[in-house]
Amino acid sequence: MNIDLIFQIAGVGIVVAVINQLLTRAGRDEQALLITIAGLVVVLFILTEQIGTLFDSIKRIFDL
């Protein structure tokens, strides 16, 4: 597992948390929720790519 993946996910989390706090304090709770959902989707796309790579590695290892 690459350490860059962990830093990418942590970076997205930090940015989403800061923007969420700013929007919540400004009274824009709906936009804060949308930013949180968008951050979750971005992280899921990153993880989906890594899971695909994992499956490709498993197929190659076991010659499937």
C-alpha atoms as a PDB file:
ATOM      1  CA  MET A   1       0.000   0.000   0.000  1.00  0.00           C
ATOM      2  CA  ASN A   2       1.318   3.362  -0.980  1.00  0.00           C
ATOM      3  CA  ILE A   3       1.606   6.099   1.650  1.00  0.00           C
ATOM      4  CA  ASP A   4       0.542   8.673  -0.969  1.00  0.00           C
ATOM      5  CA  LEU A   5      -2.935   7.163  -0.993  1.00  0.00           C
ATOM      6  CA  ILE A   6      -3.298   7.808   2.735  1.00  0.00           C
ATOM      7  CA  PHE A   7      -2.094  11.398   2.294  1.00  0.00           C
ATOM      8  CA  GLN A   8      -4.548  11.973  -0.561  1.00  0.00           C
ATOM      9  CA  ILE A   9      -7.490  10.756   1.493  1.00  0.00           C
ATOM     10  CA  ALA A  10      -6.364  12.746   4.534  1.00  0.00           C
ATOM     11  CA  GLY A  11      -5.937  15.854   2.377  1.00  0.00           C
ATOM     12  CA  VAL A  12      -9.442  15.558   0.988  1.00  0.00           C
ATOM     13  CA  GLY A  13     -10.767  15.056   4.516  1.00  0.00           C
ATOM     14  CA  ILE A  14      -8.997  18.131   5.871  1.00  0.00           C
ATOM     15  CA  VAL A  15     -10.137  20.350   3.004  1.00  0.00           C
ATOM     16  CA  VAL A  16     -13.724  19.124   3.302  1.00  0.00           C
ATOM     17  CA  ALA A  17     -13.700  19.650   7.083  1.00  0.00           C
ATOM     18  CA  VAL A  18     -12.433  23.235   6.776  1.00  0.00           C
ATOM     19  CA  ILE A  19     -14.913  24.161   4.049  1.00  0.00           C
ATOM     20  CA  ASN A  20     -17.702  22.458   5.995  1.00  0.00           C
ATOM     21  CA  GLN A  21     -16.925  24.504   9.114  1.00  0.00           C
ATOM     22  CA  LEU A  22     -16.748  27.751   7.141  1.00  0.00           C
ATOM     23  CA  LEU A  23     -20.084  27.128   5.450  1.00  0.00           C
ATOM     24  CA  THR A  24     -21.762  25.990   8.667  1.00  0.00           C
ATOM     25  CA  ARG A  25     -20.686  29.123  10.504  1.00  0.00           C
ATOM     26  CA  ALA A  26     -21.918  31.232   7.599  1.00  0.00           C
ATOM     27  CA  GLY A  27     -25.355  29.656   7.961  1.00  0.00           C
ATOM     28  CA  ARG A  28     -25.178  27.666   4.735  1.00  0.00           C
ATOM     29  CA  ASP A  29     -25.852  24.202   6.096  1.00  0.00           C
ATOM     30  CA  GLU A  30     -27.186  22.821   2.819  1.00  0.00           C
ATOM     31  CA  GLN A  31     -24.006  23.712   0.936  1.00  0.00           C
ATOM     32  CA  ALA A  32     -21.913  22.272   3.771  1.00  0.00           C
ATOM     33  CA  LEU A  33     -23.768  18.982   3.430  1.00  0.00           C
ATOM     34  CA  LEU A  34     -23.226  18.977  -0.339  1.00  0.00           C
ATOM     35  CA  ILE A  35     -19.492  19.590   0.128  1.00  0.00           C
ATOM     36  CA  THR A  36     -19.327  16.698   2.582  1.00  0.00           C
ATOM     37  CA  ILE A  37     -21.095  14.388   0.145  1.00  0.00           C
ATOM     38  CA  ALA A  38     -18.830  15.540  -2.695  1.00  0.00           C
ATOM     39  CA  GLY A  39     -15.756  14.795  -0.565  1.00  0.00           C
ATOM     40  CA  LEU A  40     -17.096  11.337   0.169  1.00  0.00           C
ATOM     41  CA  VAL A  41     -17.659  10.685  -3.539  1.00  0.00           C
ATOM     42  CA  VAL A  42     -14.112  11.809  -4.380  1.00  0.00           C
ATOM     43  CA  VAL A  43     -12.649   9.456  -1.774  1.00  0.00           C
ATOM     44  CA  LEU A  44     -14.824   6.606  -3.037  1.00  0.00           C
ATOM     45  CA  PHE A  45     -13.538   7.170  -6.585  1.00  0.00           C
ATOM     46  CA  ILE A  46      -9.947   7.063  -5.315  1.00  0.00           C
ATOM     47  CA  LEU A  47     -10.625   3.838  -3.426  1.00  0.00           C
ATOM     48  CA  THR A  48     -12.490   2.268  -6.354  1.00  0.00           C
ATOM     49  CA  GLU A  49      -9.442   2.768  -8.554  1.00  0.00           C
ATOM     50  CA  GLN A  50      -7.220   1.137  -5.937  1.00  0.00           C
ATOM     51  CA  ILE A  51      -9.608  -1.801  -5.492  1.00  0.00           C
ATOM     52  CA  GLY A  52      -9.559  -2.335  -9.265  1.00  0.00           C
ATOM     53  CA  THR A  53      -5.767  -2.427  -9.159  1.00  0.00           C
ATOM     54  CA  LEU A  54      -5.934  -4.941  -6.316  1.00  0.00           C
ATOM     55  CA  PHE A  55      -8.233  -7.240  -8.298  1.00  0.00           C
ATOM     56  CA  ASP A  56      -5.962  -6.998 -11.333  1.00  0.00           C
ATOM     57  CA  SER A  57      -3.005  -7.988  -9.168  1.00  0.00           C
ATOM     58  CA  ILE A  58      -4.913 -10.946  -7.719  1.00  0.00           C
ATOM     59  CA  LYS A  59      -5.915 -12.111 -11.205  1.00  0.00           C
ATOM     60  CA  ARG A  60      -2.316 -11.869 -12.389  1.00  0.00           C
ATOM     61  CA  ILE A  61      -0.929 -13.687  -9.343  1.00  0.00           C
ATOM     62  CA  PHE A  62      -3.327 -16.619  -9.630  1.00  0.00           C
ATOM     63  CA  ASP A  63      -3.334 -16.627 -13.462  1.00  0.00           C
ATOM     64  CA  LEU A  64      -7.099 -16.254 -13.704  1.00  0.00           C
END
